[in-house]
Amino acid sequence: MSEAASKPVFDDLIHPRQRLMLCAALALAGEMRFDLLAKAAGMSAPTLSKHLTRLADADYVVSRPDRRDSRRQWVRLTSAGRCAYEGHVAALRELTG
Protein backbone atom coordinates (compact mmCIF):
# COMPACT_ATOMS: atom_id res chain seq x y z
CA MET A 1 0.00 0.00 0.00
CA SER A 2 1.31 3.44 -0.85
CA GLU A 3 2.11 5.96 1.84
CA ALA A 4 -0.76 8.28 0.81
CA ALA A 5 -3.24 5.44 1.17
CA SER A 6 -1.92 4.14 4.48
CA LYS A 7 -4.69 5.97 6.30
CA PRO A 8 -8.00 4.12 5.94
CA VAL A 9 -10.54 6.44 4.32
CA PHE A 10 -13.95 5.49 2.94
CA ASP A 11 -14.52 6.81 -0.57
CA ASP A 12 -18.19 7.22 -1.47
CA LEU A 13 -17.34 7.31 -5.18
CA ILE A 14 -15.59 3.93 -5.09
CA HIS A 15 -17.97 2.30 -2.60
CA PRO A 16 -20.77 1.19 -4.96
CA ARG A 17 -20.22 -2.49 -5.76
CA GLN A 18 -19.71 -1.99 -9.51
CA ARG A 19 -17.06 0.71 -9.08
CA LEU A 20 -15.32 -1.24 -6.33
CA MET A 21 -15.14 -4.24 -8.69
CA LEU A 22 -13.72 -2.08 -11.47
CA CYS A 23 -11.08 -0.55 -9.22
CA ALA A 24 -10.14 -3.99 -7.86
CA ALA A 25 -9.74 -5.40 -11.37
CA LEU A 26 -7.66 -2.43 -12.52
CA ALA A 27 -5.53 -2.50 -9.37
CA LEU A 28 -4.68 -6.14 -10.05
CA ALA A 29 -4.26 -5.93 -13.82
CA GLY A 30 -2.65 -2.51 -14.04
CA GLU A 31 -4.42 -1.81 -17.33
CA MET A 32 -7.28 -3.56 -19.11
CA ARG A 33 -8.95 -3.27 -22.45
CA PHE A 34 -12.46 -1.80 -22.14
CA ASP A 35 -14.22 -4.84 -23.64
CA LEU A 36 -12.34 -7.29 -21.41
CA LEU A 37 -13.02 -5.15 -18.34
CA ALA A 38 -16.73 -5.15 -19.19
CA LYS A 39 -16.68 -8.93 -19.55
CA ALA A 40 -14.72 -9.45 -16.31
CA ALA A 41 -17.09 -7.17 -14.39
CA GLY A 42 -20.20 -8.66 -16.00
CA MET A 43 -21.35 -5.25 -17.25
CA SER A 44 -22.70 -4.02 -20.53
CA ALA A 45 -20.58 -1.48 -22.39
CA PRO A 46 -22.98 1.42 -21.59
CA THR A 47 -23.02 0.54 -17.89
CA LEU A 48 -19.24 0.26 -17.78
CA SER A 49 -18.90 3.55 -19.63
CA LYS A 50 -21.18 5.27 -17.10
CA HIS A 51 -19.11 4.04 -14.14
CA LEU A 52 -15.80 4.83 -15.80
CA THR A 53 -16.99 8.34 -16.59
CA ARG A 54 -17.75 8.93 -12.91
CA LEU A 55 -14.30 7.60 -11.96
CA ALA A 56 -12.60 9.62 -14.72
CA ASP A 57 -14.36 12.81 -13.59
CA ALA A 58 -12.66 12.31 -10.21
CA ASP A 59 -9.31 11.62 -11.94
CA TYR A 60 -9.36 8.01 -10.68
CA VAL A 61 -9.06 6.37 -14.12
CA VAL A 62 -7.75 7.29 -17.55
CA SER A 63 -8.16 5.61 -20.90
CA ARG A 64 -6.12 5.54 -24.06
CA PRO A 65 -6.73 4.16 -27.54
CA ASP A 66 -5.12 0.89 -28.56
CA ARG A 67 -2.03 1.42 -30.71
CA ARG A 68 -3.19 -1.08 -33.34
CA ASP A 69 -6.95 -0.51 -33.24
CA SER A 70 -8.08 2.98 -32.26
CA ARG A 71 -11.64 1.70 -31.73
CA ARG A 72 -10.44 -0.20 -28.66
CA GLN A 73 -9.70 1.58 -25.40
CA TRP A 74 -7.37 0.65 -22.55
CA VAL A 75 -8.26 1.74 -19.01
CA ARG A 76 -6.06 2.10 -15.94
CA LEU A 77 -6.18 3.61 -12.48
CA THR A 78 -4.36 6.89 -11.98
CA SER A 79 -2.10 7.27 -8.95
CA ALA A 80 -4.93 9.21 -7.28
CA GLY A 81 -7.34 6.39 -8.11
CA ARG A 82 -4.99 3.75 -6.76
CA CYS A 83 -4.51 5.71 -3.52
CA ALA A 84 -8.27 6.19 -3.13
CA TYR A 85 -8.91 2.50 -3.81
CA GLU A 86 -6.21 1.34 -1.38
CA GLY A 87 -7.48 3.72 1.31
CA HIS A 88 -11.04 2.49 0.80
CA VAL A 89 -9.97 -1.17 1.02
CA ALA A 90 -7.99 -0.38 4.16
CA ALA A 91 -11.08 1.23 5.69
CA LEU A 92 -13.17 -1.84 4.83
CA ARG A 93 -10.53 -4.13 6.36
CA GLU A 94 -10.44 -1.99 9.48
CA LEU A 95 -14.20 -2.22 9.72
CA THR A 96 -14.25 -6.00 9.32
CA GLY A 97 -10.96 -6.61 11.10
C-alpha atoms as a PDB file:
ATOM      1  CA  MET A   1       0.000   0.000   0.000  1.00  0.00           C
ATOM      2  CA  SER A   2       1.314   3.435  -0.845  1.00  0.00           C
ATOM      3  CA  GLU A   3       2.114   5.965   1.839  1.00  0.00           C
ATOM      4  CA  ALA A   4      -0.755   8.279   0.809  1.00  0.00           C
ATOM      5  CA  ALA A   5      -3.241   5.438   1.168  1.00  0.00           C
ATOM      6  CA  SER A   6      -1.916   4.139   4.478  1.00  0.00           C
ATOM      7  CA  LYS A   7      -4.689   5.973   6.303  1.00  0.00           C
ATOM      8  CA  PRO A   8      -8.002   4.115   5.936  1.00  0.00           C
ATOM      9  CA  VAL A   9     -10.544   6.438   4.324  1.00  0.00           C
ATOM     10  CA  PHE A  10     -13.952   5.495   2.938  1.00  0.00           C
ATOM     11  CA  ASP A  11     -14.521   6.806  -0.568  1.00  0.00           C
ATOM     12  CA  ASP A  12     -18.187   7.221  -1.475  1.00  0.00           C
ATOM     13  CA  LEU A  13     -17.336   7.313  -5.180  1.00  0.00           C
ATOM     14  CA  ILE A  14     -15.588   3.926  -5.092  1.00  0.00           C
ATOM     15  CA  HIS A  15     -17.965   2.300  -2.597  1.00  0.00           C
ATOM     16  CA  PRO A  16     -20.774   1.187  -4.963  1.00  0.00           C
ATOM     17  CA  ARG A  17     -20.215  -2.489  -5.760  1.00  0.00           C
ATOM     18  CA  GLN A  18     -19.710  -1.992  -9.506  1.00  0.00           C
ATOM     19  CA  ARG A  19     -17.060   0.705  -9.082  1.00  0.00           C
ATOM     20  CA  LEU A  20     -15.323  -1.236  -6.331  1.00  0.00           C
ATOM     21  CA  MET A  21     -15.140  -4.244  -8.685  1.00  0.00           C
ATOM     22  CA  LEU A  22     -13.717  -2.083 -11.467  1.00  0.00           C
ATOM     23  CA  CYS A  23     -11.079  -0.550  -9.221  1.00  0.00           C
ATOM     24  CA  ALA A  24     -10.137  -3.992  -7.864  1.00  0.00           C
ATOM     25  CA  ALA A  25      -9.742  -5.405 -11.372  1.00  0.00           C
ATOM     26  CA  LEU A  26      -7.658  -2.435 -12.523  1.00  0.00           C
ATOM     27  CA  ALA A  27      -5.534  -2.504  -9.368  1.00  0.00           C
ATOM     28  CA  LEU A  28      -4.684  -6.144 -10.055  1.00  0.00           C
ATOM     29  CA  ALA A  29      -4.263  -5.926 -13.823  1.00  0.00           C
ATOM     30  CA  GLY A  30      -2.653  -2.513 -14.044  1.00  0.00           C
ATOM     31  CA  GLU A  31      -4.422  -1.807 -17.328  1.00  0.00           C
ATOM     32  CA  MET A  32      -7.284  -3.564 -19.106  1.00  0.00           C
ATOM     33  CA  ARG A  33      -8.948  -3.268 -22.451  1.00  0.00           C
ATOM     34  CA  PHE A  34     -12.463  -1.797 -22.142  1.00  0.00           C
ATOM     35  CA  ASP A  35     -14.221  -4.837 -23.643  1.00  0.00           C
ATOM     36  CA  LEU A  36     -12.343  -7.286 -21.411  1.00  0.00           C
ATOM     37  CA  LEU A  37     -13.021  -5.152 -18.338  1.00  0.00           C
ATOM     38  CA  ALA A  38     -16.731  -5.152 -19.193  1.00  0.00           C
ATOM     39  CA  LYS A  39     -16.683  -8.931 -19.546  1.00  0.00           C
ATOM     40  CA  ALA A  40     -14.716  -9.448 -16.307  1.00  0.00           C
ATOM     41  CA  ALA A  41     -17.092  -7.169 -14.388  1.00  0.00           C
ATOM     42  CA  GLY A  42     -20.204  -8.657 -15.997  1.00  0.00           C
ATOM     43  CA  MET A  43     -21.349  -5.255 -17.247  1.00  0.00           C
ATOM     44  CA  SER A  44     -22.704  -4.017 -20.532  1.00  0.00           C
ATOM     45  CA  ALA A  45     -20.577  -1.478 -22.389  1.00  0.00           C
ATOM     46  CA  PRO A  46     -22.985   1.415 -21.589  1.00  0.00           C
ATOM     47  CA  THR A  47     -23.020   0.541 -17.886  1.00  0.00           C
ATOM     48  CA  LEU A  48     -19.237   0.260 -17.775  1.00  0.00           C
ATOM     49  CA  SER A  49     -18.903   3.549 -19.628  1.00  0.00           C
ATOM     50  CA  LYS A  50     -21.175   5.268 -17.099  1.00  0.00           C
ATOM     51  CA  HIS A  51     -19.112   4.044 -14.138  1.00  0.00           C
ATOM     52  CA  LEU A  52     -15.797   4.829 -15.798  1.00  0.00           C
ATOM     53  CA  THR A  53     -16.995   8.340 -16.591  1.00  0.00           C
ATOM     54  CA  ARG A  54     -17.751   8.926 -12.906  1.00  0.00           C
ATOM     55  CA  LEU A  55     -14.299   7.598 -11.959  1.00  0.00           C
ATOM     56  CA  ALA A  56     -12.599   9.619 -14.719  1.00  0.00           C
ATOM     57  CA  ASP A  57     -14.358  12.806 -13.588  1.00  0.00           C
ATOM     58  CA  ALA A  58     -12.664  12.306 -10.208  1.00  0.00           C
ATOM     59  CA  ASP A  59      -9.310  11.617 -11.942  1.00  0.00           C
ATOM     60  CA  TYR A  60      -9.361   8.011 -10.681  1.00  0.00           C
ATOM     61  CA  VAL A  61      -9.064   6.374 -14.116  1.00  0.00           C
ATOM     62  CA  VAL A  62      -7.755   7.294 -17.548  1.00  0.00           C
ATOM     63  CA  SER A  63      -8.159   5.608 -20.895  1.00  0.00           C
ATOM     64  CA  ARG A  64      -6.124   5.536 -24.057  1.00  0.00           C
ATOM     65  CA  PRO A  65      -6.729   4.158 -27.544  1.00  0.00           C
ATOM     66  CA  ASP A  66      -5.118   0.887 -28.558  1.00  0.00           C
ATOM     67  CA  ARG A  67      -2.032   1.419 -30.713  1.00  0.00           C
ATOM     68  CA  ARG A  68      -3.190  -1.079 -33.338  1.00  0.00           C
ATOM     69  CA  ASP A  69      -6.951  -0.508 -33.236  1.00  0.00           C
ATOM     70  CA  SER A  70      -8.079   2.985 -32.260  1.00  0.00           C
ATOM     71  CA  ARG A  71     -11.642   1.704 -31.729  1.00  0.00           C
ATOM     72  CA  ARG A  72     -10.436  -0.202 -28.658  1.00  0.00           C
ATOM     73  CA  GLN A  73      -9.696   1.582 -25.396  1.00  0.00           C
ATOM     74  CA  TRP A  74      -7.375   0.650 -22.548  1.00  0.00           C
ATOM     75  CA  VAL A  75      -8.263   1.740 -19.012  1.00  0.00           C
ATOM     76  CA  ARG A  76      -6.059   2.099 -15.941  1.00  0.00           C
ATOM     77  CA  LEU A  77      -6.178   3.612 -12.475  1.00  0.00           C
ATOM     78  CA  THR A  78      -4.359   6.888 -11.982  1.00  0.00           C
ATOM     79  CA  SER A  79      -2.104   7.273  -8.951  1.00  0.00           C
ATOM     80  CA  ALA A  80      -4.935   9.208  -7.278  1.00  0.00           C
ATOM     81  CA  GLY A  81      -7.341   6.395  -8.107  1.00  0.00           C
ATOM     82  CA  ARG A  82      -4.991   3.750  -6.758  1.00  0.00           C
ATOM     83  CA  CYS A  83      -4.513   5.706  -3.521  1.00  0.00           C
ATOM     84  CA  ALA A  84      -8.267   6.189  -3.135  1.00  0.00           C
ATOM     85  CA  TYR A  85      -8.911   2.495  -3.810  1.00  0.00           C
ATOM     86  CA  GLU A  86      -6.209   1.341  -1.379  1.00  0.00           C
ATOM     87  CA  GLY A  87      -7.479   3.721   1.307  1.00  0.00           C
ATOM     88  CA  HIS A  88     -11.036   2.492   0.796  1.00  0.00           C
ATOM     89  CA  VAL A  89      -9.974  -1.165   1.023  1.00  0.00           C
ATOM     90  CA  ALA A  90      -7.985  -0.382   4.159  1.00  0.00           C
ATOM     91  CA  ALA A  91     -11.081   1.229   5.691  1.00  0.00           C
ATOM     92  CA  LEU A  92     -13.171  -1.839   4.829  1.00  0.00           C
ATOM     93  CA  ARG A  93     -10.526  -4.127   6.361  1.00  0.00           C
ATOM     94  CA  GLU A  94     -10.444  -1.989   9.485  1.00  0.00           C
ATOM     95  CA  LEU A  95     -14.204  -2.220   9.722  1.00  0.00           C
ATOM     96  CA  THR A  96     -14.247  -5.999   9.322  1.00  0.00           C
ATOM     97  CA  GLY A  97     -10.965  -6.614  11.095  1.00  0.00           C
END
